[in-house]
Amino acid sequence: MRKLTFISAFIVFLVNATVAQQLPIYSQYMLNDFSMNPAIAGTQDYFNVKSDNRFQWIGITDAPRTYILTFDGPITSQHVGIGTYIYTDITGPTRRTGFTTAYSYHLKLNSDLTLSFGLAAGLTQFAIDGQSISLQETTDPALPNAFASAIVPDFGAGAYLYGANFYAGIAAPQIIPITAKLTNIADAQDMLVRHYYVTAGYNFDVGNNFSIDPCIVGNYVYPVPPQVDLGARVLYMQKVWVGAGYRTMDAVYAMIGYVYQKNLTLGFSYDYPVTTINQYSFGTTELYIGITFNKSKASQPSL
């Protein structure tokens, strides 16, 4: 039976904490922003299928692995969008798996501005494989000695203001705190906690087929200090890009990407941790794949 590594022990602690960052972080969030805000569903005039696969802290046993698959698009020409996504977040003996659907309504403010509102609802399963954990005290009530899981509902909401060259949004996943009972401790609070995301970005056309996309994401979970992610990409002919970013209290990262025939988008990023965990890890990699459907010839590539 495997020994519980320090990273697994840390995550197991988080499962039983009421105040902790529970949702995964992505470096290529600008490519798959719908997973952060339900109001983004249907903002483009075609359907998207996107996959993000993140392997965190390479070199550490039982380090986090996150997989997400999203689908969204408009169901009316101007006003309504829908979307759904499934995901799993695995760290050692712990697993978080979920399914979420979203509905958005888009209100045209003027010829250049649209404001959308989104609601999301789904189910989340928390699970711990107690048989993969070796404990010094086998009677420790804080952890199960067999497989244990709990399924709870999950709700979120968001708003998104966007135009041809910019966007700004705010979202609150896990907006209703709900307890998932995973342990035998009577007063344990395995609770979904509210997360708050603020996003903004702009596309600058700098001529000669080049453009620059700076963006920012703010993430807050009470009472953890707010985290800010600053990133930017340089694009050539809306087909090839390179980029870099910095995430406070976490990592610096670089990314590259390519669009093939306007319908297939590939992206790759590498994070290097700026905390003391860099003594144990080689960094984090992330692979993004996006496919668009029913795309008009006048539409820009889904970047």
C-alpha atoms as a PDB file:
ATOM      1  CA  MET A   1       0.000   0.000   0.000  1.00  0.00           C
ATOM      2  CA  ARG A   2       1.392   3.379  -0.998  1.00  0.00           C
ATOM      3  CA  LYS A   3       2.477   5.878   1.573  1.00  0.00           C
ATOM      4  CA  LEU A   4       0.518   9.101   1.536  1.00  0.00           C
ATOM      5  CA  THR A   5       2.802  11.753   0.068  1.00  0.00           C
ATOM      6  CA  PHE A   6       2.924  15.258   1.490  1.00  0.00           C
ATOM      7  CA  ILE A   7       0.933  16.675  -1.416  1.00  0.00           C
ATOM      8  CA  SER A   8      -1.854  14.126  -0.959  1.00  0.00           C
ATOM      9  CA  ALA A   9      -1.963  14.856   2.745  1.00  0.00           C
ATOM     10  CA  PHE A  10      -2.304  18.536   1.974  1.00  0.00           C
ATOM     11  CA  ILE A  11      -5.210  18.001  -0.409  1.00  0.00           C
ATOM     12  CA  VAL A  12      -6.986  15.665   2.003  1.00  0.00           C
ATOM     13  CA  PHE A  13      -6.755  18.476   4.528  1.00  0.00           C
ATOM     14  CA  LEU A  14      -8.335  20.847   2.025  1.00  0.00           C
ATOM     15  CA  VAL A  15     -11.247  18.483   1.476  1.00  0.00           C
ATOM     16  CA  ASN A  16     -12.157  18.931   5.126  1.00  0.00           C
ATOM     17  CA  ALA A  17     -11.607  22.697   5.220  1.00  0.00           C
ATOM     18  CA  THR A  18     -14.371  25.240   4.870  1.00  0.00           C
ATOM     19  CA  VAL A  19     -12.092  27.951   3.502  1.00  0.00           C
ATOM     20  CA  ALA A  20      -9.785  26.861   0.689  1.00  0.00           C
ATOM     21  CA  GLN A  21      -9.216  27.169  -3.050  1.00  0.00           C
ATOM     22  CA  GLN A  22     -11.224  24.192  -4.341  1.00  0.00           C
ATOM     23  CA  LEU A  23     -11.529  24.853  -8.078  1.00  0.00           C
ATOM     24  CA  PRO A  24      -8.613  24.168 -10.439  1.00  0.00           C
ATOM     25  CA  ILE A  25      -6.545  26.942 -11.993  1.00  0.00           C
ATOM     26  CA  TYR A  26      -5.735  27.058 -15.724  1.00  0.00           C
ATOM     27  CA  SER A  27      -2.969  28.929 -17.527  1.00  0.00           C
ATOM     28  CA  GLN A  28      -4.843  28.923 -20.864  1.00  0.00           C
ATOM     29  CA  TYR A  29      -8.032  30.349 -19.381  1.00  0.00           C
ATOM     30  CA  MET A  30      -8.296  32.857 -22.251  1.00  0.00           C
ATOM     31  CA  LEU A  31      -8.927  29.906 -24.594  1.00  0.00           C
ATOM     32  CA  ASN A  32     -11.546  28.184 -22.441  1.00  0.00           C
ATOM     33  CA  ASP A  33     -13.095  30.997 -20.435  1.00  0.00           C
ATOM     34  CA  PHE A  34     -16.594  29.484 -20.505  1.00  0.00           C
ATOM     35  CA  SER A  35     -15.483  27.038 -17.801  1.00  0.00           C
ATOM     36  CA  MET A  36     -15.057  30.043 -15.480  1.00  0.00           C
ATOM     37  CA  ASN A  37     -18.214  32.027 -16.316  1.00  0.00           C
ATOM     38  CA  PRO A  38     -21.596  30.655 -17.518  1.00  0.00           C
ATOM     39  CA  ALA A  39     -22.481  34.025 -19.091  1.00  0.00           C
ATOM     40  CA  ILE A  40     -19.876  33.344 -21.807  1.00  0.00           C
ATOM     41  CA  ALA A  41     -21.975  30.529 -23.314  1.00  0.00           C
ATOM     42  CA  GLY A  42     -23.106  31.570 -26.788  1.00  0.00           C
ATOM     43  CA  THR A  43     -21.022  34.747 -27.091  1.00  0.00           C
ATOM     44  CA  GLN A  44     -19.630  33.515 -30.411  1.00  0.00           C
ATOM     45  CA  ASP A  45     -21.765  32.735 -33.466  1.00  0.00           C
ATOM     46  CA  TYR A  46     -20.756  29.072 -33.608  1.00  0.00           C
ATOM     47  CA  PHE A  47     -20.490  26.032 -31.348  1.00  0.00           C
ATOM     48  CA  ASN A  48     -17.285  25.142 -29.528  1.00  0.00           C
ATOM     49  CA  VAL A  49     -15.953  21.899 -28.103  1.00  0.00           C
ATOM     50  CA  LYS A  50     -12.876  22.437 -25.955  1.00  0.00           C
ATOM     51  CA  SER A  51     -10.644  20.200 -23.881  1.00  0.00           C
ATOM     52  CA  ASP A  52      -8.088  21.280 -21.291  1.00  0.00           C
ATOM     53  CA  ASN A  53      -5.707  18.778 -19.705  1.00  0.00           C
ATOM     54  CA  ARG A  54      -3.464  20.024 -16.904  1.00  0.00           C
ATOM     55  CA  PHE A  55      -0.669  18.070 -15.208  1.00  0.00           C
ATOM     56  CA  GLN A  56       0.489  20.018 -12.187  1.00  0.00           C
ATOM     57  CA  TRP A  57       3.771  19.856 -10.271  1.00  0.00           C
ATOM     58  CA  ILE A  58       5.478  17.228 -12.422  1.00  0.00           C
ATOM     59  CA  GLY A  59       7.961  15.187 -10.404  1.00  0.00           C
ATOM     60  CA  ILE A  60       5.818  14.972  -7.267  1.00  0.00           C
ATOM     61  CA  THR A  61       4.043  11.702  -6.591  1.00  0.00           C
ATOM     62  CA  ASP A  62       0.248  12.012  -6.577  1.00  0.00           C
ATOM     63  CA  ALA A  63       0.361  15.583  -7.881  1.00  0.00           C
ATOM     64  CA  PRO A  64      -2.892  17.125  -9.215  1.00  0.00           C
ATOM     65  CA  ARG A  65      -4.237  16.223 -12.666  1.00  0.00           C
ATOM     66  CA  THR A  66      -7.198  18.076 -14.120  1.00  0.00           C
ATOM     67  CA  TYR A  67      -9.273  17.255 -17.213  1.00  0.00           C
ATOM     68  CA  ILE A  68     -12.171  19.329 -18.525  1.00  0.00           C
ATOM     69  CA  LEU A  69     -14.373  19.050 -21.629  1.00  0.00           C
ATOM     70  CA  THR A  70     -16.701  21.941 -22.514  1.00  0.00           C
ATOM     71  CA  PHE A  71     -19.382  22.578 -25.131  1.00  0.00           C
ATOM     72  CA  ASP A  72     -21.201  25.865 -25.753  1.00  0.00           C
ATOM     73  CA  GLY A  73     -22.885  27.885 -28.463  1.00  0.00           C
ATOM     74  CA  PRO A  74     -25.898  30.056 -29.392  1.00  0.00           C
ATOM     75  CA  ILE A  75     -29.368  28.555 -29.778  1.00  0.00           C
ATOM     76  CA  THR A  76     -30.911  31.770 -31.133  1.00  0.00           C
ATOM     77  CA  SER A  77     -29.339  34.291 -33.476  1.00  0.00           C
ATOM     78  CA  GLN A  78     -28.914  37.006 -30.851  1.00  0.00           C
ATOM     79  CA  HIS A  79     -30.175  36.320 -27.353  1.00  0.00           C
ATOM     80  CA  VAL A  80     -29.717  32.843 -25.854  1.00  0.00           C
ATOM     81  CA  GLY A  81     -26.702  30.586 -25.356  1.00  0.00           C
ATOM     82  CA  ILE A  82     -26.294  27.193 -23.749  1.00  0.00           C
ATOM     83  CA  GLY A  83     -23.322  25.178 -22.601  1.00  0.00           C
ATOM     84  CA  THR A  84     -22.187  22.233 -20.567  1.00  0.00           C
ATOM     85  CA  TYR A  85     -18.955  20.847 -19.232  1.00  0.00           C
ATOM     86  CA  ILE A  86     -17.650  17.801 -17.431  1.00  0.00           C
ATOM     87  CA  TYR A  87     -14.454  17.674 -15.429  1.00  0.00           C
ATOM     88  CA  THR A  88     -12.384  15.619 -13.050  1.00  0.00           C
ATOM     89  CA  ASP A  89      -9.694  16.883 -10.688  1.00  0.00           C
ATOM     90  CA  ILE A  90      -7.503  14.126  -9.224  1.00  0.00           C
ATOM     91  CA  THR A  91      -4.883  14.424  -6.506  1.00  0.00           C
ATOM     92  CA  GLY A  92      -3.518  11.197  -5.043  1.00  0.00           C
ATOM     93  CA  PRO A  93      -6.392   9.354  -3.345  1.00  0.00           C
ATOM     94  CA  THR A  94      -8.834  12.264  -3.728  1.00  0.00           C
ATOM     95  CA  ARG A  95     -11.042  13.014  -6.716  1.00  0.00           C
ATOM     96  CA  ARG A  96     -13.502  15.743  -7.617  1.00  0.00           C
ATOM     97  CA  THR A  97     -15.761  15.005 -10.597  1.00  0.00           C
ATOM     98  CA  GLY A  98     -18.657  17.041 -11.887  1.00  0.00           C
ATOM     99  CA  PHE A  99     -21.141  17.879 -14.598  1.00  0.00           C
ATOM    100  CA  THR A 100     -22.523  21.396 -15.147  1.00  0.00           C
ATOM    101  CA  THR A 101     -25.010  22.934 -17.574  1.00  0.00           C
ATOM    102  CA  ALA A 102     -25.341  26.656 -18.245  1.00  0.00           C
ATOM    103  CA  TYR A 103     -27.881  29.061 -19.720  1.00  0.00           C
ATOM    104  CA  SER A 104     -27.086  32.628 -20.814  1.00  0.00           C
ATOM    105  CA  TYR A 105     -29.127  35.564 -22.033  1.00  0.00           C
ATOM    106  CA  HIS A 106     -27.472  38.240 -24.191  1.00  0.00           C
ATOM    107  CA  LEU A 107     -28.753  41.819 -24.163  1.00  0.00           C
ATOM    108  CA  LYS A 108     -27.599  44.113 -26.978  1.00  0.00           C
ATOM    109  CA  LEU A 109     -26.810  47.504 -25.419  1.00  0.00           C
ATOM    110  CA  ASN A 110     -25.776  49.212 -28.663  1.00  0.00           C
ATOM    111  CA  SER A 111     -24.050  48.384 -31.934  1.00  0.00           C
ATOM    112  CA  ASP A 112     -20.758  47.689 -30.120  1.00  0.00           C
ATOM    113  CA  LEU A 113     -21.700  46.375 -26.661  1.00  0.00           C
ATOM    114  CA  THR A 114     -23.490  43.264 -25.449  1.00  0.00           C
ATOM    115  CA  LEU A 115     -24.191  42.318 -21.840  1.00  0.00           C
ATOM    116  CA  SER A 116     -24.904  38.684 -20.994  1.00  0.00           C
ATOM    117  CA  PHE A 117     -26.092  36.988 -17.814  1.00  0.00           C
ATOM    118  CA  GLY A 118     -25.565  33.325 -17.076  1.00  0.00           C
ATOM    119  CA  LEU A 119     -26.734  30.686 -14.617  1.00  0.00           C
ATOM    120  CA  ALA A 120     -25.171  27.266 -14.073  1.00  0.00           C
ATOM    121  CA  ALA A 121     -26.332  24.152 -12.241  1.00  0.00           C
ATOM    122  CA  GLY A 122     -24.793  20.714 -11.873  1.00  0.00           C
ATOM    123  CA  LEU A 123     -23.642  17.906  -9.646  1.00  0.00           C
ATOM    124  CA  THR A 124     -20.258  17.426  -8.010  1.00  0.00           C
ATOM    125  CA  GLN A 125     -18.884  14.194  -6.554  1.00  0.00           C
ATOM    126  CA  PHE A 126     -16.146  14.255  -3.926  1.00  0.00           C
ATOM    127  CA  ALA A 127     -14.365  10.959  -3.349  1.00  0.00           C
ATOM    128  CA  ILE A 128     -11.505   9.589  -1.246  1.00  0.00           C
ATOM    129  CA  ASP A 129      -9.944   6.158  -1.767  1.00  0.00           C
ATOM    130  CA  GLY A 130      -9.067   5.294   1.808  1.00  0.00           C
ATOM    131  CA  GLN A 131      -7.443   2.010   0.774  1.00  0.00           C
ATOM    132  CA  SER A 132      -4.649   3.992  -0.950  1.00  0.00           C
ATOM    133  CA  ILE A 133      -3.712   5.746   2.279  1.00  0.00           C
ATOM    134  CA  SER A 134      -1.408   4.355   4.962  1.00  0.00           C
ATOM    135  CA  LEU A 135      -2.051   5.953   8.330  1.00  0.00           C
ATOM    136  CA  GLN A 136       0.108   5.759  11.426  1.00  0.00           C
ATOM    137  CA  GLU A 137      -3.090   5.556  13.458  1.00  0.00           C
ATOM    138  CA  THR A 138      -5.537   3.275  11.653  1.00  0.00           C
ATOM    139  CA  THR A 139      -8.440   4.461  13.795  1.00  0.00           C
ATOM    140  CA  ASP A 140      -8.095   8.109  12.741  1.00  0.00           C
ATOM    141  CA  PRO A 141     -11.740   9.225  12.263  1.00  0.00           C
ATOM    142  CA  ALA A 142     -10.794  12.064   9.938  1.00  0.00           C
ATOM    143  CA  LEU A 143     -10.176   9.710   7.006  1.00  0.00           C
ATOM    144  CA  PRO A 144     -12.147   6.691   5.777  1.00  0.00           C
ATOM    145  CA  ASN A 145     -10.416   3.305   5.513  1.00  0.00           C
ATOM    146  CA  ALA A 146     -12.346   2.430   2.352  1.00  0.00           C
ATOM    147  CA  PHE A 147     -13.672   4.250  -0.704  1.00  0.00           C
ATOM    148  CA  ALA A 148     -16.001   7.079   0.327  1.00  0.00           C
ATOM    149  CA  SER A 149     -17.870   9.560  -1.839  1.00  0.00           C
ATOM    150  CA  ALA A 150     -20.569  12.189  -1.654  1.00  0.00           C
ATOM    151  CA  ILE A 151     -22.576  13.890  -4.415  1.00  0.00           C
ATOM    152  CA  VAL A 152     -23.859  17.425  -3.930  1.00  0.00           C
ATOM    153  CA  PRO A 153     -25.595  19.983  -6.182  1.00  0.00           C
ATOM    154  CA  ASP A 154     -23.582  22.934  -7.436  1.00  0.00           C
ATOM    155  CA  PHE A 155     -24.790  26.341  -8.633  1.00  0.00           C
ATOM    156  CA  GLY A 156     -23.104  29.348 -10.179  1.00  0.00           C
ATOM    157  CA  ALA A 157     -23.842  32.697 -11.812  1.00  0.00           C
ATOM    158  CA  GLY A 158     -22.032  35.278 -13.888  1.00  0.00           C
ATOM    159  CA  ALA A 159     -22.215  38.418 -16.005  1.00  0.00           C
ATOM    160  CA  TYR A 160     -20.170  39.312 -19.085  1.00  0.00           C
ATOM    161  CA  LEU A 161     -19.786  42.566 -21.031  1.00  0.00           C
ATOM    162  CA  TYR A 162     -18.191  42.217 -24.449  1.00  0.00           C
ATOM    163  CA  GLY A 163     -17.590  43.910 -27.761  1.00  0.00           C
ATOM    164  CA  ALA A 164     -15.562  43.294 -30.900  1.00  0.00           C
ATOM    165  CA  ASN A 165     -12.186  43.822 -29.220  1.00  0.00           C
ATOM    166  CA  PHE A 166     -12.676  43.593 -25.461  1.00  0.00           C
ATOM    167  CA  TYR A 167     -14.444  41.753 -22.657  1.00  0.00           C
ATOM    168  CA  ALA A 168     -14.964  41.995 -18.911  1.00  0.00           C
ATOM    169  CA  GLY A 169     -16.748  39.536 -16.671  1.00  0.00           C
ATOM    170  CA  ILE A 170     -17.529  38.517 -13.125  1.00  0.00           C
ATOM    171  CA  ALA A 171     -18.595  35.068 -11.952  1.00  0.00           C
ATOM    172  CA  ALA A 172     -19.314  33.186  -8.731  1.00  0.00           C
ATOM    173  CA  PRO A 173     -19.033  29.370  -8.985  1.00  0.00           C
ATOM    174  CA  GLN A 174     -20.242  27.307  -6.031  1.00  0.00           C
ATOM    175  CA  ILE A 175     -22.396  30.274  -5.068  1.00  0.00           C
ATOM    176  CA  ILE A 176     -24.448  28.275  -2.524  1.00  0.00           C
ATOM    177  CA  PRO A 177     -22.313  26.654   0.233  1.00  0.00           C
ATOM    178  CA  ILE A 178     -23.320  22.988   0.491  1.00  0.00           C
ATOM    179  CA  THR A 179     -21.790  20.375   2.767  1.00  0.00           C
ATOM    180  CA  ALA A 180     -20.573  17.015   1.415  1.00  0.00           C
ATOM    181  CA  LYS A 181     -20.290  14.476   4.245  1.00  0.00           C
ATOM    182  CA  LEU A 182     -17.142  12.423   3.662  1.00  0.00           C
ATOM    183  CA  THR A 183     -15.884  11.657   7.171  1.00  0.00           C
ATOM    184  CA  ASN A 184     -17.179  10.133  10.381  1.00  0.00           C
ATOM    185  CA  ILE A 185     -16.577  13.293  12.385  1.00  0.00           C
ATOM    186  CA  ALA A 186     -19.880  14.737  13.535  1.00  0.00           C
ATOM    187  CA  ASP A 187     -18.875  18.403  13.184  1.00  0.00           C
ATOM    188  CA  ALA A 188     -16.765  18.058  10.029  1.00  0.00           C
ATOM    189  CA  GLN A 189     -17.643  20.644   7.394  1.00  0.00           C
ATOM    190  CA  ASP A 190     -16.684  19.362   3.941  1.00  0.00           C
ATOM    191  CA  MET A 191     -18.231  22.390   2.280  1.00  0.00           C
ATOM    192  CA  LEU A 192     -18.276  23.880  -1.183  1.00  0.00           C
ATOM    193  CA  VAL A 193     -17.050  27.441  -0.780  1.00  0.00           C
ATOM    194  CA  ARG A 194     -17.816  30.437  -2.963  1.00  0.00           C
ATOM    195  CA  HIS A 195     -15.235  31.455  -5.520  1.00  0.00           C
ATOM    196  CA  TYR A 196     -15.209  34.854  -7.186  1.00  0.00           C
ATOM    197  CA  TYR A 197     -13.645  35.466 -10.602  1.00  0.00           C
ATOM    198  CA  VAL A 198     -13.098  38.811 -12.333  1.00  0.00           C
ATOM    199  CA  THR A 199     -11.779  38.733 -15.911  1.00  0.00           C
ATOM    200  CA  ALA A 200     -10.918  41.365 -18.499  1.00  0.00           C
ATOM    201  CA  GLY A 201      -9.069  41.476 -21.796  1.00  0.00           C
ATOM    202  CA  TYR A 202      -8.513  43.487 -24.953  1.00  0.00           C
ATOM    203  CA  ASN A 203      -7.329  42.808 -28.494  1.00  0.00           C
ATOM    204  CA  PHE A 204      -4.906  45.390 -29.890  1.00  0.00           C
ATOM    205  CA  ASP A 205      -4.323  45.391 -33.649  1.00  0.00           C
ATOM    206  CA  VAL A 206      -0.704  46.494 -34.083  1.00  0.00           C
ATOM    207  CA  GLY A 207      -0.583  46.121 -37.878  1.00  0.00           C
ATOM    208  CA  ASN A 208       1.358  43.871 -40.245  1.00  0.00           C
ATOM    209  CA  ASN A 209      -0.967  40.958 -39.369  1.00  0.00           C
ATOM    210  CA  PHE A 210      -0.001  41.104 -35.691  1.00  0.00           C
ATOM    211  CA  SER A 211      -2.192  41.638 -32.655  1.00  0.00           C
ATOM    212  CA  ILE A 212      -1.678  41.547 -28.887  1.00  0.00           C
ATOM    213  CA  ASP A 213      -4.148  40.108 -26.362  1.00  0.00           C
ATOM    214  CA  PRO A 214      -3.448  41.152 -22.770  1.00  0.00           C
ATOM    215  CA  CYS A 215      -5.772  39.748 -20.123  1.00  0.00           C
ATOM    216  CA  ILE A 216      -6.225  39.564 -16.374  1.00  0.00           C
ATOM    217  CA  VAL A 217      -8.006  37.179 -14.004  1.00  0.00           C
ATOM    218  CA  GLY A 218      -8.641  37.906 -10.352  1.00  0.00           C
ATOM    219  CA  ASN A 219      -9.594  34.993  -8.108  1.00  0.00           C
ATOM    220  CA  TYR A 220     -10.804  35.281  -4.518  1.00  0.00           C
ATOM    221  CA  VAL A 221     -11.879  32.735  -1.908  1.00  0.00           C
ATOM    222  CA  TYR A 222     -12.439  34.052   1.606  1.00  0.00           C
ATOM    223  CA  PRO A 223     -10.234  34.305   3.666  1.00  0.00           C
ATOM    224  CA  VAL A 224      -7.365  33.277   1.343  1.00  0.00           C
ATOM    225  CA  PRO A 225      -5.515  36.308  -0.134  1.00  0.00           C
ATOM    226  CA  PRO A 226      -6.726  37.277  -3.624  1.00  0.00           C
ATOM    227  CA  GLN A 227      -4.786  35.816  -6.536  1.00  0.00           C
ATOM    228  CA  VAL A 228      -4.139  37.727  -9.762  1.00  0.00           C
ATOM    229  CA  ASP A 229      -3.116  36.277 -13.115  1.00  0.00           C
ATOM    230  CA  LEU A 230      -1.611  38.647 -15.697  1.00  0.00           C
ATOM    231  CA  GLY A 231      -1.051  37.235 -19.174  1.00  0.00           C
ATOM    232  CA  ALA A 232      -0.675  38.274 -22.800  1.00  0.00           C
ATOM    233  CA  ARG A 233      -0.376  36.718 -26.258  1.00  0.00           C
ATOM    234  CA  VAL A 234       1.144  37.975 -29.495  1.00  0.00           C
ATOM    235  CA  LEU A 235      -0.782  36.599 -32.495  1.00  0.00           C
ATOM    236  CA  TYR A 236       0.225  36.447 -36.137  1.00  0.00           C
ATOM    237  CA  MET A 237      -2.591  36.392 -38.731  1.00  0.00           C
ATOM    238  CA  GLN A 238      -4.934  35.073 -36.010  1.00  0.00           C
ATOM    239  CA  LYS A 239      -3.310  31.662 -36.525  1.00  0.00           C
ATOM    240  CA  VAL A 240      -0.104  31.409 -34.484  1.00  0.00           C
ATOM    241  CA  TRP A 241       0.673  32.837 -31.068  1.00  0.00           C
ATOM    242  CA  VAL A 242       3.168  32.922 -28.252  1.00  0.00           C
ATOM    243  CA  GLY A 243       2.468  34.254 -24.796  1.00  0.00           C
ATOM    244  CA  ALA A 244       3.531  34.522 -21.188  1.00  0.00           C
ATOM    245  CA  GLY A 245       2.062  35.330 -17.811  1.00  0.00           C
ATOM    246  CA  TYR A 246       2.508  35.564 -14.072  1.00  0.00           C
ATOM    247  CA  ARG A 247       0.200  34.196 -11.378  1.00  0.00           C
ATOM    248  CA  THR A 248       0.744  35.649  -7.926  1.00  0.00           C
ATOM    249  CA  MET A 249       1.723  33.205  -5.184  1.00  0.00           C
ATOM    250  CA  ASP A 250       2.071  30.452  -7.789  1.00  0.00           C
ATOM    251  CA  ALA A 251       3.987  30.525 -11.074  1.00  0.00           C
ATOM    252  CA  VAL A 252       5.236  32.171 -14.236  1.00  0.00           C
ATOM    253  CA  TYR A 253       4.216  30.515 -17.493  1.00  0.00           C
ATOM    254  CA  ALA A 254       4.764  30.498 -21.246  1.00  0.00           C
ATOM    255  CA  MET A 255       2.416  29.285 -23.977  1.00  0.00           C
ATOM    256  CA  ILE A 256       2.248  28.638 -27.713  1.00  0.00           C
ATOM    257  CA  GLY A 257      -0.625  27.811 -30.041  1.00  0.00           C
ATOM    258  CA  TYR A 258      -1.796  27.265 -33.595  1.00  0.00           C
ATOM    259  CA  VAL A 259      -5.117  27.308 -35.495  1.00  0.00           C
ATOM    260  CA  TYR A 260      -5.503  24.823 -38.347  1.00  0.00           C
ATOM    261  CA  GLN A 261      -8.009  25.715 -41.094  1.00  0.00           C
ATOM    262  CA  LYS A 262      -9.997  27.967 -38.703  1.00  0.00           C
ATOM    263  CA  ASN A 263     -11.633  24.990 -36.988  1.00  0.00           C
ATOM    264  CA  LEU A 264      -8.975  23.225 -34.933  1.00  0.00           C
ATOM    265  CA  THR A 265      -7.061  25.085 -32.232  1.00  0.00           C
ATOM    266  CA  LEU A 266      -4.084  23.624 -30.354  1.00  0.00           C
ATOM    267  CA  GLY A 267      -2.412  25.211 -27.365  1.00  0.00           C
ATOM    268  CA  PHE A 268       0.350  24.251 -24.954  1.00  0.00           C
ATOM    269  CA  SER A 269       1.600  25.977 -21.815  1.00  0.00           C
ATOM    270  CA  TYR A 270       4.325  25.394 -19.249  1.00  0.00           C
ATOM    271  CA  ASP A 271       4.275  26.798 -15.711  1.00  0.00           C
ATOM    272  CA  TYR A 272       7.352  27.200 -13.549  1.00  0.00           C
ATOM    273  CA  PRO A 273       6.502  27.570  -9.842  1.00  0.00           C
ATOM    274  CA  VAL A 274       7.846  30.620  -8.021  1.00  0.00           C
ATOM    275  CA  THR A 275       7.153  29.157  -4.573  1.00  0.00           C
ATOM    276  CA  THR A 276       9.332  26.723  -2.622  1.00  0.00           C
ATOM    277  CA  ILE A 277       7.596  23.803  -4.326  1.00  0.00           C
ATOM    278  CA  ASN A 278      10.042  24.370  -7.217  1.00  0.00           C
ATOM    279  CA  GLN A 279      12.552  22.441  -5.095  1.00  0.00           C
ATOM    280  CA  TYR A 280      10.496  19.301  -5.731  1.00  0.00           C
ATOM    281  CA  SER A 281       8.690  19.880  -9.039  1.00  0.00           C
ATOM    282  CA  PHE A 282       9.752  20.367 -12.667  1.00  0.00           C
ATOM    283  CA  GLY A 283       6.688  22.549 -13.275  1.00  0.00           C
ATOM    284  CA  THR A 284       3.223  22.179 -14.778  1.00  0.00           C
ATOM    285  CA  THR A 285       2.129  21.418 -18.352  1.00  0.00           C
ATOM    286  CA  GLU A 286      -1.239  22.049 -19.964  1.00  0.00           C
ATOM    287  CA  LEU A 287      -2.595  20.869 -23.324  1.00  0.00           C
ATOM    288  CA  TYR A 288      -5.587  22.582 -24.950  1.00  0.00           C
ATOM    289  CA  ILE A 289      -7.623  21.323 -27.941  1.00  0.00           C
ATOM    290  CA  GLY A 290     -10.545  23.267 -29.409  1.00  0.00           C
ATOM    291  CA  ILE A 291     -12.911  22.472 -32.294  1.00  0.00           C
ATOM    292  CA  THR A 292     -15.558  24.781 -33.792  1.00  0.00           C
ATOM    293  CA  PHE A 293     -18.723  23.805 -35.690  1.00  0.00           C
ATOM    294  CA  ASN A 294     -21.159  25.636 -37.980  1.00  0.00           C
ATOM    295  CA  LYS A 295     -18.718  28.458 -38.359  1.00  0.00           C
ATOM    296  CA  SER A 296     -19.424  31.184 -40.877  1.00  0.00           C
ATOM    297  CA  LYS A 297     -16.674  32.172 -43.313  1.00  0.00           C
ATOM    298  CA  ALA A 298     -16.640  35.700 -41.933  1.00  0.00           C
ATOM    299  CA  SER A 299     -15.996  34.547 -38.382  1.00  0.00           C
ATOM    300  CA  GLN A 300     -12.608  34.820 -36.761  1.00  0.00           C
ATOM    301  CA  PRO A 301     -10.801  31.713 -35.489  1.00  0.00           C
ATOM    302  CA  SER A 302     -11.726  30.563 -31.994  1.00  0.00           C
ATOM    303  CA  LEU A 303      -8.616  31.626 -30.126  1.00  0.00           C
END
